[in-house]
Amino acid sequence: MNINITSSECAWSHFEVKILNRVLKGLRGFESKKSVDASHLHGAGSEPLDITKGNITYDGNIKILGFEADAMNKAAQDAGYDDITEVPHEAIIIMISFKRRLTDKLKTYVTTGVQFTEDGVSMDQGAKNREITLPYIAMSRQQLH
């Protein structure tokens, strides 16, 4: 494997996140994870014999400015729900697209079956804006090249 440690990583300006087919301009951060339940298999003695794998889960969060959360909740209310946490997971897809360099091909993570698990409001003294973190669980995630 050839690793070039002098190259630059992705710049924040090269990322785009879409939810409900809308680009989030008030995006402040995000996380998208795939987790595999894995544990040691023990038998005789104290050393593990193997590693066994089980369930796979997908989760993450988006950190957005307050106006984006307000817009997502308004869209949910316009569709007949109280807020974004009540929108059925079958209706929500998150797309995270990025390029390492401007000349590179676009890479996209598509997370489907997204269920937001929390919605709230918070603010700290002296804050100049509202930042809201919305955690989610999901049914699947794949990377497109």
N, C-alpha and C. Protein backbone atom coordinates (compact mmCIF):
# COMPACT_ATOMS: atom_id res chain seq x y z
N MET A 1 0.84 -1.17 0.00
CA MET A 1 0.00 0.00 0.00
C MET A 1 0.89 1.23 0.00
N ASN A 2 0.60 2.18 -0.89
CA ASN A 2 1.36 3.41 -0.99
C ASN A 2 0.57 4.53 -0.32
N ILE A 3 1.13 5.11 0.74
CA ILE A 3 0.46 6.18 1.46
C ILE A 3 1.27 7.46 1.29
N ASN A 4 0.64 8.49 0.79
CA ASN A 4 1.29 9.77 0.60
C ASN A 4 0.93 10.67 1.78
N ILE A 5 1.83 10.80 2.75
CA ILE A 5 1.52 11.57 3.94
C ILE A 5 1.68 13.07 3.75
N THR A 6 2.12 13.50 2.59
CA THR A 6 2.27 14.93 2.35
C THR A 6 1.05 15.52 1.65
N SER A 7 0.07 14.70 1.29
CA SER A 7 -1.11 15.22 0.61
C SER A 7 -2.07 15.84 1.61
N SER A 8 -2.94 16.71 1.13
CA SER A 8 -3.90 17.35 2.02
C SER A 8 -5.14 16.48 2.16
N GLU A 9 -5.77 16.58 3.32
CA GLU A 9 -7.04 15.89 3.55
C GLU A 9 -8.16 16.72 2.97
N CYS A 10 -9.37 16.20 3.07
CA CYS A 10 -10.54 16.93 2.58
C CYS A 10 -10.70 18.24 3.33
N ALA A 11 -11.09 19.27 2.63
CA ALA A 11 -11.40 20.55 3.25
C ALA A 11 -12.90 20.61 3.53
N TRP A 12 -13.25 21.30 4.60
CA TRP A 12 -14.66 21.44 4.96
C TRP A 12 -15.46 21.99 3.79
N SER A 13 -14.87 22.87 3.01
CA SER A 13 -15.57 23.48 1.88
C SER A 13 -15.87 22.48 0.77
N HIS A 14 -15.28 21.28 0.83
CA HIS A 14 -15.52 20.26 -0.19
C HIS A 14 -16.64 19.30 0.20
N PHE A 15 -17.28 19.53 1.36
CA PHE A 15 -18.36 18.66 1.82
C PHE A 15 -19.72 19.29 1.58
N GLU A 16 -20.69 18.42 1.32
CA GLU A 16 -22.08 18.86 1.18
C GLU A 16 -22.96 17.79 1.79
N VAL A 17 -23.91 18.19 2.63
CA VAL A 17 -24.84 17.25 3.24
C VAL A 17 -26.25 17.62 2.83
N LYS A 18 -26.99 16.62 2.34
CA LYS A 18 -28.38 16.81 1.93
C LYS A 18 -29.29 15.96 2.79
N ILE A 19 -30.38 16.55 3.24
CA ILE A 19 -31.44 15.82 3.94
C ILE A 19 -32.75 16.24 3.30
N LEU A 20 -33.59 15.27 3.02
CA LEU A 20 -34.87 15.52 2.36
C LEU A 20 -34.66 16.32 1.07
N ASN A 21 -33.60 15.96 0.36
CA ASN A 21 -33.24 16.56 -0.94
C ASN A 21 -32.91 18.04 -0.84
N ARG A 22 -32.51 18.50 0.33
CA ARG A 22 -32.18 19.90 0.56
C ARG A 22 -30.75 19.99 1.11
N VAL A 23 -29.91 20.81 0.48
CA VAL A 23 -28.54 21.02 0.95
C VAL A 23 -28.59 21.85 2.23
N LEU A 24 -27.90 21.37 3.27
CA LEU A 24 -27.86 22.08 4.54
C LEU A 24 -26.77 23.15 4.49
N LYS A 25 -27.15 24.40 4.38
CA LYS A 25 -26.18 25.50 4.36
C LYS A 25 -25.74 25.86 5.77
N GLY A 26 -26.57 25.54 6.78
CA GLY A 26 -26.23 25.82 8.16
C GLY A 26 -25.58 24.65 8.86
N LEU A 27 -24.88 23.82 8.11
CA LEU A 27 -24.20 22.65 8.66
C LEU A 27 -22.96 23.08 9.44
N ARG A 28 -22.81 22.57 10.67
CA ARG A 28 -21.66 22.88 11.50
C ARG A 28 -20.79 21.65 11.77
N GLY A 29 -21.35 20.45 11.56
CA GLY A 29 -20.60 19.23 11.77
C GLY A 29 -21.49 18.02 11.54
N PHE A 30 -20.86 16.86 11.38
CA PHE A 30 -21.63 15.63 11.19
C PHE A 30 -20.80 14.43 11.59
N GLU A 31 -21.49 13.33 11.81
CA GLU A 31 -20.84 12.06 12.09
C GLU A 31 -21.73 10.97 11.53
N SER A 32 -21.13 9.99 10.87
CA SER A 32 -21.86 8.85 10.32
C SER A 32 -21.03 7.61 10.60
N LYS A 33 -21.62 6.63 11.30
CA LYS A 33 -20.86 5.46 11.71
C LYS A 33 -21.57 4.16 11.34
N LYS A 34 -20.77 3.16 11.07
CA LYS A 34 -21.21 1.77 10.97
C LYS A 34 -20.51 1.04 12.10
N SER A 35 -21.26 0.32 12.91
CA SER A 35 -20.68 -0.42 14.04
C SER A 35 -21.01 -1.89 13.89
N VAL A 36 -20.03 -2.73 14.19
CA VAL A 36 -20.21 -4.18 14.16
C VAL A 36 -20.04 -4.69 15.59
N ASP A 37 -21.03 -5.40 16.07
CA ASP A 37 -20.95 -6.00 17.40
C ASP A 37 -19.97 -7.17 17.30
N ALA A 38 -18.83 -7.02 17.96
CA ALA A 38 -17.80 -8.06 17.92
C ALA A 38 -17.31 -8.32 19.34
N SER A 39 -16.99 -9.57 19.61
CA SER A 39 -16.48 -9.92 20.94
C SER A 39 -15.58 -11.14 20.83
N HIS A 40 -14.75 -11.30 21.84
CA HIS A 40 -13.87 -12.47 21.90
C HIS A 40 -14.67 -13.72 22.20
N LEU A 41 -14.27 -14.81 21.61
CA LEU A 41 -14.82 -16.13 21.92
C LEU A 41 -13.79 -16.84 22.78
N HIS A 42 -14.18 -17.17 23.99
CA HIS A 42 -13.27 -17.84 24.92
C HIS A 42 -13.65 -19.30 25.08
N GLY A 43 -12.68 -20.10 25.33
CA GLY A 43 -12.86 -21.52 25.64
C GLY A 43 -11.95 -21.85 26.81
N ALA A 44 -11.28 -22.97 26.72
CA ALA A 44 -10.35 -23.36 27.78
C ALA A 44 -9.19 -22.37 27.82
N GLY A 45 -8.72 -22.04 29.02
CA GLY A 45 -7.62 -21.11 29.17
C GLY A 45 -8.12 -19.68 29.24
N SER A 46 -7.17 -18.75 29.26
CA SER A 46 -7.55 -17.34 29.42
C SER A 46 -7.42 -16.53 28.13
N GLU A 47 -6.85 -17.09 27.09
CA GLU A 47 -6.68 -16.39 25.82
C GLU A 47 -7.90 -16.62 24.92
N PRO A 48 -8.27 -15.63 24.12
CA PRO A 48 -9.40 -15.82 23.21
C PRO A 48 -9.06 -16.82 22.11
N LEU A 49 -10.08 -17.56 21.67
CA LEU A 49 -9.92 -18.50 20.58
C LEU A 49 -10.18 -17.84 19.23
N ASP A 50 -11.08 -16.85 19.26
CA ASP A 50 -11.50 -16.22 18.01
C ASP A 50 -12.21 -14.92 18.35
N ILE A 51 -12.60 -14.21 17.33
CA ILE A 51 -13.47 -13.04 17.47
C ILE A 51 -14.74 -13.35 16.70
N THR A 52 -15.87 -13.22 17.37
CA THR A 52 -17.15 -13.46 16.72
C THR A 52 -17.83 -12.13 16.43
N LYS A 53 -18.58 -12.11 15.35
CA LYS A 53 -19.28 -10.90 14.95
C LYS A 53 -20.78 -11.13 15.01
N GLY A 54 -21.49 -10.04 15.30
CA GLY A 54 -22.94 -10.12 15.40
C GLY A 54 -23.60 -9.01 14.60
N ASN A 55 -24.48 -8.30 15.26
CA ASN A 55 -25.31 -7.29 14.61
C ASN A 55 -24.49 -6.11 14.09
N ILE A 56 -25.01 -5.51 13.03
CA ILE A 56 -24.45 -4.30 12.45
C ILE A 56 -25.45 -3.17 12.72
N THR A 57 -24.95 -2.02 13.16
CA THR A 57 -25.82 -0.86 13.37
C THR A 57 -25.21 0.36 12.69
N TYR A 58 -26.07 1.31 12.37
CA TYR A 58 -25.68 2.56 11.73
C TYR A 58 -26.25 3.70 12.56
N ASP A 59 -25.41 4.68 12.85
CA ASP A 59 -25.90 5.85 13.58
C ASP A 59 -25.00 7.03 13.31
N GLY A 60 -25.38 8.17 13.85
CA GLY A 60 -24.59 9.37 13.67
C GLY A 60 -25.33 10.57 14.19
N ASN A 61 -24.89 11.74 13.76
CA ASN A 61 -25.57 12.97 14.13
C ASN A 61 -25.20 14.06 13.15
N ILE A 62 -26.02 15.08 13.13
CA ILE A 62 -25.69 16.28 12.37
C ILE A 62 -25.76 17.45 13.34
N LYS A 63 -24.82 18.35 13.20
CA LYS A 63 -24.82 19.58 14.01
C LYS A 63 -25.15 20.71 13.05
N ILE A 64 -26.25 21.39 13.33
CA ILE A 64 -26.74 22.42 12.41
C ILE A 64 -27.08 23.69 13.17
N LEU A 65 -27.16 24.78 12.43
CA LEU A 65 -27.61 26.04 13.01
C LEU A 65 -29.12 25.98 13.21
N GLY A 66 -29.61 26.80 14.13
CA GLY A 66 -31.02 26.77 14.51
C GLY A 66 -31.99 26.93 13.35
N PHE A 67 -31.66 27.77 12.37
CA PHE A 67 -32.61 27.97 11.27
C PHE A 67 -32.79 26.70 10.46
N GLU A 68 -31.77 25.84 10.37
CA GLU A 68 -31.90 24.57 9.66
C GLU A 68 -32.82 23.62 10.43
N ALA A 69 -32.65 23.56 11.75
CA ALA A 69 -33.53 22.71 12.57
C ALA A 69 -34.97 23.20 12.47
N ASP A 70 -35.14 24.52 12.49
CA ASP A 70 -36.49 25.09 12.35
C ASP A 70 -37.11 24.69 11.02
N ALA A 71 -36.32 24.75 9.95
CA ALA A 71 -36.82 24.40 8.61
C ALA A 71 -37.17 22.92 8.52
N MET A 72 -36.35 22.05 9.14
CA MET A 72 -36.64 20.62 9.13
C MET A 72 -37.92 20.33 9.91
N ASN A 73 -38.09 20.97 11.06
CA ASN A 73 -39.29 20.77 11.85
C ASN A 73 -40.53 21.33 11.15
N LYS A 74 -40.38 22.45 10.45
CA LYS A 74 -41.51 23.01 9.70
C LYS A 74 -41.91 22.07 8.58
N ALA A 75 -40.94 21.48 7.89
CA ALA A 75 -41.25 20.51 6.84
C ALA A 75 -41.97 19.30 7.43
N ALA A 76 -41.55 18.87 8.61
CA ALA A 76 -42.23 17.75 9.27
C ALA A 76 -43.66 18.13 9.63
N GLN A 77 -43.84 19.33 10.16
CA GLN A 77 -45.18 19.79 10.53
C GLN A 77 -46.07 19.96 9.31
N ASP A 78 -45.51 20.46 8.21
CA ASP A 78 -46.28 20.60 6.96
C ASP A 78 -46.75 19.24 6.46
N ALA A 79 -46.00 18.18 6.79
CA ALA A 79 -46.37 16.82 6.38
C ALA A 79 -47.27 16.13 7.41
N GLY A 80 -47.62 16.85 8.50
CA GLY A 80 -48.55 16.30 9.47
C GLY A 80 -47.93 15.69 10.71
N TYR A 81 -46.63 15.93 10.94
CA TYR A 81 -45.94 15.40 12.12
C TYR A 81 -45.64 16.54 13.08
N ASP A 82 -45.41 16.22 14.35
CA ASP A 82 -45.09 17.25 15.34
C ASP A 82 -43.70 17.83 15.13
N ASP A 83 -42.73 16.98 14.82
CA ASP A 83 -41.35 17.43 14.60
C ASP A 83 -40.59 16.36 13.82
N ILE A 84 -39.30 16.59 13.60
CA ILE A 84 -38.48 15.71 12.76
C ILE A 84 -38.36 14.30 13.35
N THR A 85 -38.50 14.14 14.68
CA THR A 85 -38.37 12.82 15.29
C THR A 85 -39.54 11.91 14.96
N GLU A 86 -40.65 12.47 14.50
CA GLU A 86 -41.83 11.66 14.20
C GLU A 86 -41.96 11.30 12.72
N VAL A 87 -41.10 11.85 11.89
CA VAL A 87 -41.12 11.51 10.46
C VAL A 87 -40.65 10.06 10.32
N PRO A 88 -41.41 9.21 9.60
CA PRO A 88 -41.02 7.80 9.46
C PRO A 88 -39.63 7.65 8.84
N HIS A 89 -38.87 6.68 9.34
CA HIS A 89 -37.50 6.50 8.87
C HIS A 89 -37.42 6.16 7.38
N GLU A 90 -38.48 5.61 6.84
CA GLU A 90 -38.48 5.29 5.40
C GLU A 90 -38.42 6.55 4.53
N ALA A 91 -38.77 7.69 5.11
CA ALA A 91 -38.85 8.93 4.33
C ALA A 91 -37.57 9.77 4.35
N ILE A 92 -36.60 9.40 5.20
CA ILE A 92 -35.43 10.27 5.36
C ILE A 92 -34.15 9.58 4.87
N ILE A 93 -33.44 10.27 4.01
CA ILE A 93 -32.14 9.85 3.48
C ILE A 93 -31.17 11.00 3.73
N ILE A 94 -29.96 10.66 4.19
CA ILE A 94 -28.90 11.67 4.33
C ILE A 94 -27.82 11.33 3.32
N MET A 95 -27.43 12.33 2.54
CA MET A 95 -26.35 12.16 1.57
C MET A 95 -25.20 13.08 1.94
N ILE A 96 -24.02 12.50 2.14
CA ILE A 96 -22.82 13.26 2.45
C ILE A 96 -21.88 13.11 1.26
N SER A 97 -21.64 14.19 0.55
CA SER A 97 -20.81 14.17 -0.64
C SER A 97 -19.56 15.00 -0.42
N PHE A 98 -18.44 14.53 -0.96
CA PHE A 98 -17.19 15.25 -0.80
C PHE A 98 -16.19 14.88 -1.88
N LYS A 99 -15.20 15.75 -2.01
CA LYS A 99 -14.05 15.51 -2.87
C LYS A 99 -12.81 15.77 -2.03
N ARG A 100 -11.80 14.95 -2.23
CA ARG A 100 -10.54 15.20 -1.53
C ARG A 100 -9.85 16.43 -2.11
N ARG A 101 -9.86 16.49 -3.42
CA ARG A 101 -9.36 17.65 -4.15
C ARG A 101 -10.44 18.08 -5.13
N LEU A 102 -10.41 19.32 -5.53
CA LEU A 102 -11.44 19.81 -6.45
C LEU A 102 -11.48 19.04 -7.76
N THR A 103 -10.34 18.46 -8.18
CA THR A 103 -10.29 17.73 -9.43
C THR A 103 -10.69 16.26 -9.27
N ASP A 104 -10.85 15.77 -8.04
CA ASP A 104 -11.21 14.37 -7.81
C ASP A 104 -12.67 14.11 -8.12
N LYS A 105 -12.98 12.85 -8.32
CA LYS A 105 -14.35 12.42 -8.53
C LYS A 105 -15.12 12.53 -7.21
N LEU A 106 -16.38 12.89 -7.28
CA LEU A 106 -17.23 13.05 -6.11
C LEU A 106 -17.49 11.70 -5.45
N LYS A 107 -17.31 11.63 -4.12
CA LYS A 107 -17.65 10.45 -3.33
C LYS A 107 -18.86 10.79 -2.48
N THR A 108 -19.74 9.83 -2.31
CA THR A 108 -20.97 10.09 -1.56
C THR A 108 -21.27 8.94 -0.62
N TYR A 109 -21.59 9.27 0.63
CA TYR A 109 -22.15 8.31 1.57
C TYR A 109 -23.65 8.52 1.57
N VAL A 110 -24.39 7.45 1.34
CA VAL A 110 -25.85 7.51 1.35
C VAL A 110 -26.34 6.70 2.55
N THR A 111 -26.97 7.39 3.48
CA THR A 111 -27.52 6.75 4.68
C THR A 111 -29.03 6.75 4.52
N THR A 112 -29.63 5.56 4.53
CA THR A 112 -31.07 5.44 4.31
C THR A 112 -31.77 4.94 5.57
N GLY A 113 -33.07 5.18 5.60
CA GLY A 113 -33.86 4.76 6.75
C GLY A 113 -33.46 5.50 8.01
N VAL A 114 -33.32 6.80 7.91
CA VAL A 114 -32.83 7.61 9.03
C VAL A 114 -33.98 7.98 9.97
N GLN A 115 -33.77 7.70 11.24
CA GLN A 115 -34.72 8.08 12.28
C GLN A 115 -34.01 9.01 13.26
N PHE A 116 -34.41 10.28 13.27
CA PHE A 116 -33.85 11.19 14.25
C PHE A 116 -34.42 10.82 15.61
N THR A 117 -33.55 10.73 16.62
CA THR A 117 -33.97 10.24 17.93
C THR A 117 -34.14 11.35 18.96
N GLU A 118 -33.68 12.54 18.67
CA GLU A 118 -33.82 13.66 19.59
C GLU A 118 -34.04 14.95 18.81
N ASP A 119 -34.78 15.86 19.44
CA ASP A 119 -34.95 17.21 18.93
C ASP A 119 -35.04 18.12 20.13
N GLY A 120 -34.27 19.15 20.17
CA GLY A 120 -34.31 20.04 21.32
C GLY A 120 -33.71 21.39 20.99
N VAL A 121 -33.74 22.25 21.99
CA VAL A 121 -33.19 23.59 21.84
C VAL A 121 -32.25 23.83 23.02
N SER A 122 -31.08 24.36 22.71
CA SER A 122 -30.16 24.74 23.78
C SER A 122 -29.33 25.92 23.30
N MET A 123 -28.84 26.67 24.27
CA MET A 123 -28.00 27.81 23.95
C MET A 123 -27.19 28.15 25.19
N ASP A 124 -25.99 28.65 24.99
CA ASP A 124 -25.13 29.04 26.10
C ASP A 124 -25.04 30.56 26.18
N GLN A 125 -24.78 31.04 27.37
CA GLN A 125 -24.60 32.47 27.58
C GLN A 125 -23.47 32.97 26.69
N GLY A 126 -23.68 34.07 26.05
CA GLY A 126 -22.66 34.66 25.19
C GLY A 126 -22.63 34.08 23.78
N ALA A 127 -23.49 33.10 23.50
CA ALA A 127 -23.50 32.49 22.17
C ALA A 127 -23.97 33.49 21.12
N LYS A 128 -23.43 33.35 19.93
CA LYS A 128 -23.81 34.24 18.84
C LYS A 128 -24.77 33.56 17.86
N ASN A 129 -25.02 32.26 18.09
CA ASN A 129 -25.95 31.52 17.24
C ASN A 129 -26.42 30.29 18.00
N ARG A 130 -27.45 29.64 17.46
CA ARG A 130 -27.95 28.38 18.03
C ARG A 130 -27.34 27.24 17.24
N GLU A 131 -26.68 26.34 17.93
CA GLU A 131 -26.18 25.11 17.33
C GLU A 131 -26.97 23.96 17.92
N ILE A 132 -27.52 23.13 17.06
CA ILE A 132 -28.35 22.02 17.51
C ILE A 132 -27.78 20.73 16.94
N THR A 133 -27.58 19.74 17.81
CA THR A 133 -27.11 18.43 17.37
C THR A 133 -28.29 17.47 17.36
N LEU A 134 -28.52 16.86 16.21
CA LEU A 134 -29.62 15.91 16.04
C LEU A 134 -29.04 14.51 15.82
N PRO A 135 -29.09 13.65 16.85
CA PRO A 135 -28.61 12.28 16.68
C PRO A 135 -29.63 11.45 15.90
N TYR A 136 -29.12 10.41 15.23
CA TYR A 136 -30.01 9.53 14.47
C TYR A 136 -29.50 8.10 14.50
N ILE A 137 -30.41 7.18 14.19
CA ILE A 137 -30.06 5.81 13.87
C ILE A 137 -30.56 5.58 12.44
N ALA A 138 -30.02 4.56 11.78
CA ALA A 138 -30.38 4.36 10.38
C ALA A 138 -30.41 2.88 10.04
N MET A 139 -30.99 2.58 8.91
CA MET A 139 -31.12 1.20 8.44
C MET A 139 -29.91 0.74 7.62
N SER A 140 -29.26 1.66 6.88
CA SER A 140 -28.10 1.24 6.08
C SER A 140 -27.28 2.47 5.69
N ARG A 141 -26.04 2.17 5.26
CA ARG A 141 -25.15 3.22 4.74
C ARG A 141 -24.25 2.58 3.71
N GLN A 142 -24.11 3.26 2.59
CA GLN A 142 -23.20 2.76 1.56
C GLN A 142 -22.42 3.94 0.97
N GLN A 143 -21.24 3.63 0.45
CA GLN A 143 -20.43 4.66 -0.18
C GLN A 143 -20.48 4.45 -1.69
N LEU A 144 -20.78 5.53 -2.39
CA LEU A 144 -20.81 5.52 -3.84
C LEU A 144 -19.56 6.24 -4.34
N HIS A 145 -19.00 5.76 -5.44
CA HIS A 145 -17.81 6.41 -6.01
C HIS A 145 -18.17 7.06 -7.30
